[in-house]
Amino acid sequence: MTKKQKAVELVNRLEKRYKEAICSLVAEKPHELLIATRLSAQCTDARVNIVTKPLFEKYKSVDDFANADICDIENIIRSCGLYKTKAKDIVKMCQQIRDDFGGKVPNSIEKLTTLSGVGRKTANLIMGDIFGEPAVVTDTHLIRITNRIGLVETKDPYKVEMALKKLLPPEKSSDFCHRIVHFGRDVCKAPTPKCEECEMKDICKEYKNKN
């Protein structure tokens, strides 16, 4: 089985296991998803969703965030960790969206990554979820599982992204990334993967090497 065939098989099996490809972060507007994703760095999505509820109730628009008192943002997001840096990034990115992009979240990787605190992982999430474009979101679950399965042999996020773009069906890549997160939480866990009950073990490089 080639890597491309294995990638397609993984996509198909995950589609059967998870009928819906749902982002774990709760957001109703493009800038909200951008902010929630920034908050998710070194923080659980569950915690982010708790914090963003009052945050988005108080600050409803890009302009609201652009004009916000950084100290107030800090107080609301404190439990997410790295709150000082994140608060500065949130206000700055919204000022950039307002001043450089007419108040609308930009629609390309190149433009998104000019925003404060936004890297390729976040930019890909926005491109996939907001703009419906092919995207590969290289979070820890994706990197870990695709290495275990044998689709990639690197932990470098950029190299993983580029490799998977060649292997995954473009129209399914964004949803695949959401499904792989759920799979990583349910089965292919970081310290102790549930290999014996995993429906991927027959195509998993790491499982075959251990057995």
C-alpha atoms as a PDB file:
ATOM      1  CA  MET A   1       0.000   0.000   0.000  1.00  0.00           C
ATOM      2  CA  THR A   2       1.441   3.369  -1.004  1.00  0.00           C
ATOM      3  CA  LYS A   3       1.340   6.346   1.358  1.00  0.00           C
ATOM      4  CA  LYS A   4      -1.321   7.949  -0.806  1.00  0.00           C
ATOM      5  CA  GLN A   5      -3.467   4.809  -0.691  1.00  0.00           C
ATOM      6  CA  LYS A   6      -2.987   4.603   3.059  1.00  0.00           C
ATOM      7  CA  ALA A   7      -3.974   8.260   3.449  1.00  0.00           C
ATOM      8  CA  VAL A   8      -7.187   7.723   1.475  1.00  0.00           C
ATOM      9  CA  GLU A   9      -7.987   4.617   3.536  1.00  0.00           C
ATOM     10  CA  LEU A  10      -7.443   6.569   6.760  1.00  0.00           C
ATOM     11  CA  VAL A  11      -9.714   9.354   5.515  1.00  0.00           C
ATOM     12  CA  ASN A  12     -12.456   6.846   4.628  1.00  0.00           C
ATOM     13  CA  ARG A  13     -12.279   5.013   7.952  1.00  0.00           C
ATOM     14  CA  LEU A  14     -12.372   8.218   9.965  1.00  0.00           C
ATOM     15  CA  GLU A  15     -15.410   9.359   7.974  1.00  0.00           C
ATOM     16  CA  LYS A  16     -17.194   6.170   8.999  1.00  0.00           C
ATOM     17  CA  ARG A  17     -16.199   6.545  12.639  1.00  0.00           C
ATOM     18  CA  TYR A  18     -17.005  10.256  12.886  1.00  0.00           C
ATOM     19  CA  LYS A  19     -19.961  11.166  10.694  1.00  0.00           C
ATOM     20  CA  GLU A  20     -19.514  14.871  11.346  1.00  0.00           C
ATOM     21  CA  ALA A  21     -16.240  16.769  11.175  1.00  0.00           C
ATOM     22  CA  ILE A  22     -16.694  19.267  13.982  1.00  0.00           C
ATOM     23  CA  CYS A  23     -14.211  21.847  15.217  1.00  0.00           C
ATOM     24  CA  SER A  24     -13.834  21.577  18.994  1.00  0.00           C
ATOM     25  CA  LEU A  25     -13.674  25.353  19.377  1.00  0.00           C
ATOM     26  CA  VAL A  26     -16.979  27.207  19.687  1.00  0.00           C
ATOM     27  CA  ALA A  27     -17.196  30.332  17.532  1.00  0.00           C
ATOM     28  CA  GLU A  28     -19.930  31.986  15.470  1.00  0.00           C
ATOM     29  CA  LYS A  29     -17.887  34.606  13.586  1.00  0.00           C
ATOM     30  CA  PRO A  30     -14.601  34.421  11.655  1.00  0.00           C
ATOM     31  CA  HIS A  31     -12.711  36.670  14.074  1.00  0.00           C
ATOM     32  CA  GLU A  32     -14.023  34.633  16.999  1.00  0.00           C
ATOM     33  CA  LEU A  33     -12.561  31.427  15.574  1.00  0.00           C
ATOM     34  CA  LEU A  34      -9.280  33.252  15.001  1.00  0.00           C
ATOM     35  CA  ILE A  35      -9.213  34.423  18.623  1.00  0.00           C
ATOM     36  CA  ALA A  36     -10.282  31.051  20.028  1.00  0.00           C
ATOM     37  CA  THR A  37      -7.528  29.322  18.063  1.00  0.00           C
ATOM     38  CA  ARG A  38      -4.944  31.770  19.411  1.00  0.00           C
ATOM     39  CA  LEU A  39      -6.160  31.037  22.935  1.00  0.00           C
ATOM     40  CA  SER A  40      -5.879  27.285  22.365  1.00  0.00           C
ATOM     41  CA  ALA A  41      -2.071  27.347  22.312  1.00  0.00           C
ATOM     42  CA  GLN A  42      -0.913  25.203  25.264  1.00  0.00           C
ATOM     43  CA  CYS A  43      -4.492  25.098  26.526  1.00  0.00           C
ATOM     44  CA  THR A  44      -7.353  22.635  26.122  1.00  0.00           C
ATOM     45  CA  ASP A  45     -10.211  23.439  23.774  1.00  0.00           C
ATOM     46  CA  ALA A  46     -12.623  22.803  26.639  1.00  0.00           C
ATOM     47  CA  ARG A  47     -10.989  25.530  28.725  1.00  0.00           C
ATOM     48  CA  VAL A  48     -10.937  27.907  25.747  1.00  0.00           C
ATOM     49  CA  ASN A  49     -14.676  27.414  25.219  1.00  0.00           C
ATOM     50  CA  ILE A  50     -15.332  28.302  28.864  1.00  0.00           C
ATOM     51  CA  VAL A  51     -13.266  31.478  28.566  1.00  0.00           C
ATOM     52  CA  THR A  52     -14.574  32.642  25.195  1.00  0.00           C
ATOM     53  CA  LYS A  53     -18.209  32.593  26.294  1.00  0.00           C
ATOM     54  CA  PRO A  54     -17.924  35.729  28.471  1.00  0.00           C
ATOM     55  CA  LEU A  55     -15.231  37.162  26.191  1.00  0.00           C
ATOM     56  CA  PHE A  56     -17.432  37.059  23.088  1.00  0.00           C
ATOM     57  CA  GLU A  57     -20.448  38.281  25.020  1.00  0.00           C
ATOM     58  CA  LYS A  58     -18.542  41.408  26.053  1.00  0.00           C
ATOM     59  CA  TYR A  59     -16.592  42.022  22.835  1.00  0.00           C
ATOM     60  CA  LYS A  60     -18.849  41.367  19.864  1.00  0.00           C
ATOM     61  CA  SER A  61     -16.935  42.746  16.887  1.00  0.00           C
ATOM     62  CA  VAL A  62     -13.465  43.233  15.451  1.00  0.00           C
ATOM     63  CA  ASP A  63     -13.705  46.914  16.403  1.00  0.00           C
ATOM     64  CA  ASP A  64     -14.630  46.028  19.980  1.00  0.00           C
ATOM     65  CA  PHE A  65     -11.484  43.921  20.321  1.00  0.00           C
ATOM     66  CA  ALA A  66      -9.330  46.487  18.490  1.00  0.00           C
ATOM     67  CA  ASN A  67     -10.389  49.142  20.989  1.00  0.00           C
ATOM     68  CA  ALA A  68     -10.276  46.881  24.051  1.00  0.00           C
ATOM     69  CA  ASP A  69      -8.242  47.464  27.196  1.00  0.00           C
ATOM     70  CA  ILE A  70      -5.558  44.763  27.134  1.00  0.00           C
ATOM     71  CA  CYS A  71      -5.733  44.419  30.914  1.00  0.00           C
ATOM     72  CA  ASP A  72      -9.428  43.584  30.719  1.00  0.00           C
ATOM     73  CA  ILE A  73      -8.769  40.931  28.075  1.00  0.00           C
ATOM     74  CA  GLU A  74      -6.011  39.530  30.308  1.00  0.00           C
ATOM     75  CA  ASN A  75      -8.397  39.197  33.240  1.00  0.00           C
ATOM     76  CA  ILE A  76     -10.985  37.323  31.173  1.00  0.00           C
ATOM     77  CA  ILE A  77      -8.542  34.899  29.529  1.00  0.00           C
ATOM     78  CA  ARG A  78      -6.177  34.431  32.483  1.00  0.00           C
ATOM     79  CA  SER A  79      -6.993  30.742  32.985  1.00  0.00           C
ATOM     80  CA  CYS A  80      -5.884  29.917  29.416  1.00  0.00           C
ATOM     81  CA  GLY A  81      -2.225  30.437  30.268  1.00  0.00           C
ATOM     82  CA  LEU A  82       0.233  32.780  28.534  1.00  0.00           C
ATOM     83  CA  TYR A  83      -2.558  35.298  28.969  1.00  0.00           C
ATOM     84  CA  LYS A  84      -0.428  38.443  28.698  1.00  0.00           C
ATOM     85  CA  THR A  85       0.999  37.479  25.313  1.00  0.00           C
ATOM     86  CA  LYS A  86      -2.346  36.188  24.070  1.00  0.00           C
ATOM     87  CA  ALA A  87      -4.184  39.348  25.138  1.00  0.00           C
ATOM     88  CA  LYS A  88      -1.689  41.539  23.277  1.00  0.00           C
ATOM     89  CA  ASP A  89      -1.977  39.353  20.176  1.00  0.00           C
ATOM     90  CA  ILE A  90      -5.777  39.420  20.245  1.00  0.00           C
ATOM     91  CA  VAL A  91      -5.977  43.210  20.389  1.00  0.00           C
ATOM     92  CA  LYS A  92      -3.176  43.673  17.844  1.00  0.00           C
ATOM     93  CA  MET A  93      -4.587  41.144  15.339  1.00  0.00           C
ATOM     94  CA  CYS A  94      -7.981  42.840  15.474  1.00  0.00           C
ATOM     95  CA  GLN A  95      -6.369  46.234  14.945  1.00  0.00           C
ATOM     96  CA  GLN A  96      -4.610  44.782  11.919  1.00  0.00           C
ATOM     97  CA  ILE A  97      -7.847  43.281  10.594  1.00  0.00           C
ATOM     98  CA  ARG A  98      -9.528  46.665  11.020  1.00  0.00           C
ATOM     99  CA  ASP A  99      -6.701  48.786   9.603  1.00  0.00           C
ATOM    100  CA  ASP A 100      -5.170  46.515   6.955  1.00  0.00           C
ATOM    101  CA  PHE A 101      -8.070  44.354   5.791  1.00  0.00           C
ATOM    102  CA  GLY A 102     -11.145  46.548   6.032  1.00  0.00           C
ATOM    103  CA  GLY A 103     -12.445  44.861   9.152  1.00  0.00           C
ATOM    104  CA  LYS A 104     -12.696  41.415   7.555  1.00  0.00           C
ATOM    105  CA  VAL A 105     -10.589  38.356   8.349  1.00  0.00           C
ATOM    106  CA  PRO A 106      -8.268  37.900   5.344  1.00  0.00           C
ATOM    107  CA  ASN A 107      -8.762  34.901   3.070  1.00  0.00           C
ATOM    108  CA  SER A 108      -5.262  33.621   2.323  1.00  0.00           C
ATOM    109  CA  ILE A 109      -2.513  31.874   4.290  1.00  0.00           C
ATOM    110  CA  GLU A 110      -0.086  34.620   3.346  1.00  0.00           C
ATOM    111  CA  LYS A 111      -2.314  37.419   4.643  1.00  0.00           C
ATOM    112  CA  LEU A 112      -3.477  35.547   7.736  1.00  0.00           C
ATOM    113  CA  THR A 113       0.088  34.889   8.859  1.00  0.00           C
ATOM    114  CA  THR A 114       0.790  38.634   8.869  1.00  0.00           C
ATOM    115  CA  LEU A 115      -1.575  38.922  11.825  1.00  0.00           C
ATOM    116  CA  SER A 116      -0.107  39.046  15.314  1.00  0.00           C
ATOM    117  CA  GLY A 117       0.157  35.578  16.876  1.00  0.00           C
ATOM    118  CA  VAL A 118      -1.115  33.760  13.792  1.00  0.00           C
ATOM    119  CA  GLY A 119       0.989  30.910  12.405  1.00  0.00           C
ATOM    120  CA  ARG A 120       0.305  28.424   9.636  1.00  0.00           C
ATOM    121  CA  LYS A 121      -1.692  26.071  11.879  1.00  0.00           C
ATOM    122  CA  THR A 122      -4.176  28.799  12.769  1.00  0.00           C
ATOM    123  CA  ALA A 123      -4.223  30.144   9.222  1.00  0.00           C
ATOM    124  CA  ASN A 124      -5.033  26.706   7.824  1.00  0.00           C
ATOM    125  CA  LEU A 125      -7.883  26.265  10.291  1.00  0.00           C
ATOM    126  CA  ILE A 126      -9.387  29.569   9.181  1.00  0.00           C
ATOM    127  CA  MET A 127      -8.942  28.723   5.502  1.00  0.00           C
ATOM    128  CA  GLY A 128     -10.679  25.383   5.962  1.00  0.00           C
ATOM    129  CA  ASP A 129     -13.472  26.281   8.367  1.00  0.00           C
ATOM    130  CA  ILE A 130     -14.281  29.829   7.275  1.00  0.00           C
ATOM    131  CA  PHE A 131     -13.441  29.851   3.580  1.00  0.00           C
ATOM    132  CA  GLY A 132     -13.947  26.182   2.702  1.00  0.00           C
ATOM    133  CA  GLU A 133     -10.507  25.822   1.139  1.00  0.00           C
ATOM    134  CA  PRO A 134      -8.260  22.733   1.296  1.00  0.00           C
ATOM    135  CA  ALA A 135      -6.277  22.964   4.520  1.00  0.00           C
ATOM    136  CA  VAL A 136      -3.971  20.896   6.719  1.00  0.00           C
ATOM    137  CA  VAL A 137      -4.031  21.919  10.374  1.00  0.00           C
ATOM    138  CA  THR A 138      -0.851  20.509  11.902  1.00  0.00           C
ATOM    139  CA  ASP A 139      -1.752  20.230  15.562  1.00  0.00           C
ATOM    140  CA  THR A 140      -0.160  17.724  17.940  1.00  0.00           C
ATOM    141  CA  HIS A 141      -2.754  15.016  17.210  1.00  0.00           C
ATOM    142  CA  LEU A 142      -2.229  15.187  13.463  1.00  0.00           C
ATOM    143  CA  ILE A 143       1.558  15.123  13.767  1.00  0.00           C
ATOM    144  CA  ARG A 144       1.556  12.233  16.249  1.00  0.00           C
ATOM    145  CA  ILE A 145      -0.938  10.022  14.432  1.00  0.00           C
ATOM    146  CA  THR A 146       0.353  10.504  10.897  1.00  0.00           C
ATOM    147  CA  ASN A 147       3.827   9.608  12.138  1.00  0.00           C
ATOM    148  CA  ARG A 148       2.516   6.492  13.878  1.00  0.00           C
ATOM    149  CA  ILE A 149       0.512   5.416  10.853  1.00  0.00           C
ATOM    150  CA  GLY A 150       3.515   5.987   8.605  1.00  0.00           C
ATOM    151  CA  LEU A 151       2.325   8.795   6.377  1.00  0.00           C
ATOM    152  CA  VAL A 152       5.147  11.106   7.459  1.00  0.00           C
ATOM    153  CA  GLU A 153       8.518  10.723   9.148  1.00  0.00           C
ATOM    154  CA  THR A 154       8.957  14.160  10.691  1.00  0.00           C
ATOM    155  CA  LYS A 155       7.667  16.150  13.641  1.00  0.00           C
ATOM    156  CA  ASP A 156       8.261  19.482  11.913  1.00  0.00           C
ATOM    157  CA  PRO A 157       4.790  21.069  11.437  1.00  0.00           C
ATOM    158  CA  TYR A 158       5.605  22.711   8.115  1.00  0.00           C
ATOM    159  CA  LYS A 159       7.084  19.516   6.654  1.00  0.00           C
ATOM    160  CA  VAL A 160       4.078  17.520   7.881  1.00  0.00           C
ATOM    161  CA  GLU A 161       1.722  20.034   6.270  1.00  0.00           C
ATOM    162  CA  MET A 162       3.533  19.930   2.936  1.00  0.00           C
ATOM    163  CA  ALA A 163       3.749  16.122   2.938  1.00  0.00           C
ATOM    164  CA  LEU A 164       0.064  15.639   3.747  1.00  0.00           C
ATOM    165  CA  LYS A 165      -1.023  18.130   1.093  1.00  0.00           C
ATOM    166  CA  LYS A 166       0.432  15.702  -1.450  1.00  0.00           C
ATOM    167  CA  LEU A 167      -1.285  12.677   0.101  1.00  0.00           C
ATOM    168  CA  LEU A 168      -4.753  13.788   1.210  1.00  0.00           C
ATOM    169  CA  PRO A 169      -7.689  14.403  -1.140  1.00  0.00           C
ATOM    170  CA  PRO A 170      -7.762  18.256  -1.106  1.00  0.00           C
ATOM    171  CA  GLU A 171     -11.521  18.507  -0.704  1.00  0.00           C
ATOM    172  CA  LYS A 172     -11.404  16.273   2.382  1.00  0.00           C
ATOM    173  CA  SER A 173      -8.237  17.548   4.051  1.00  0.00           C
ATOM    174  CA  SER A 174      -9.840  20.095   6.379  1.00  0.00           C
ATOM    175  CA  ASP A 175     -12.507  17.704   7.687  1.00  0.00           C
ATOM    176  CA  PHE A 176      -9.859  14.988   8.023  1.00  0.00           C
ATOM    177  CA  CYS A 177      -7.919  17.229  10.418  1.00  0.00           C
ATOM    178  CA  HIS A 178     -10.980  17.684  12.641  1.00  0.00           C
ATOM    179  CA  ARG A 179     -11.647  13.953  12.677  1.00  0.00           C
ATOM    180  CA  ILE A 180      -8.041  13.115  13.507  1.00  0.00           C
ATOM    181  CA  VAL A 181      -8.273  15.327  16.612  1.00  0.00           C
ATOM    182  CA  HIS A 182     -11.271  13.340  17.877  1.00  0.00           C
ATOM    183  CA  PHE A 183      -9.515  10.089  17.024  1.00  0.00           C
ATOM    184  CA  GLY A 184      -6.432  11.238  18.920  1.00  0.00           C
ATOM    185  CA  ARG A 185      -8.492  11.983  21.998  1.00  0.00           C
ATOM    186  CA  ASP A 186     -10.540   8.788  21.833  1.00  0.00           C
ATOM    187  CA  VAL A 187      -8.119   6.109  20.627  1.00  0.00           C
ATOM    188  CA  CYS A 188      -4.648   7.100  19.432  1.00  0.00           C
ATOM    189  CA  LYS A 189      -3.726   8.921  22.624  1.00  0.00           C
ATOM    190  CA  ALA A 190      -0.300  10.434  23.196  1.00  0.00           C
ATOM    191  CA  PRO A 191       1.077   8.309  26.048  1.00  0.00           C
ATOM    192  CA  THR A 192      -1.067   5.185  25.826  1.00  0.00           C
ATOM    193  CA  PRO A 193      -2.742   4.496  22.470  1.00  0.00           C
ATOM    194  CA  LYS A 194      -5.538   1.921  22.527  1.00  0.00           C
ATOM    195  CA  CYS A 195      -3.953  -0.146  19.773  1.00  0.00           C
ATOM    196  CA  GLU A 196      -5.835  -3.406  20.322  1.00  0.00           C
ATOM    197  CA  GLU A 197      -9.214  -1.768  19.834  1.00  0.00           C
ATOM    198  CA  CYS A 198      -8.074   0.500  16.998  1.00  0.00           C
ATOM    199  CA  GLU A 199      -9.603  -0.073  13.552  1.00  0.00           C
ATOM    200  CA  MET A 200      -6.463   1.400  11.982  1.00  0.00           C
ATOM    201  CA  LYS A 201      -3.986  -1.147  13.320  1.00  0.00           C
ATOM    202  CA  ASP A 202      -3.823  -3.143  10.087  1.00  0.00           C
ATOM    203  CA  ILE A 203      -2.488  -0.077   8.266  1.00  0.00           C
ATOM    204  CA  CYS A 204      -0.461   1.349  11.168  1.00  0.00           C
ATOM    205  CA  LYS A 205       3.321   1.288  10.795  1.00  0.00           C
ATOM    206  CA  GLU A 206       3.974   1.635  14.537  1.00  0.00           C
ATOM    207  CA  TYR A 207       1.576  -1.203  15.442  1.00  0.00           C
ATOM    208  CA  LYS A 208       3.192  -3.534  12.914  1.00  0.00           C
ATOM    209  CA  ASN A 209       6.665  -2.667  14.219  1.00  0.00           C
ATOM    210  CA  LYS A 210       5.605  -3.494  17.777  1.00  0.00           C
ATOM    211  CA  ASN A 211       4.034  -6.811  16.846  1.00  0.00           C
END
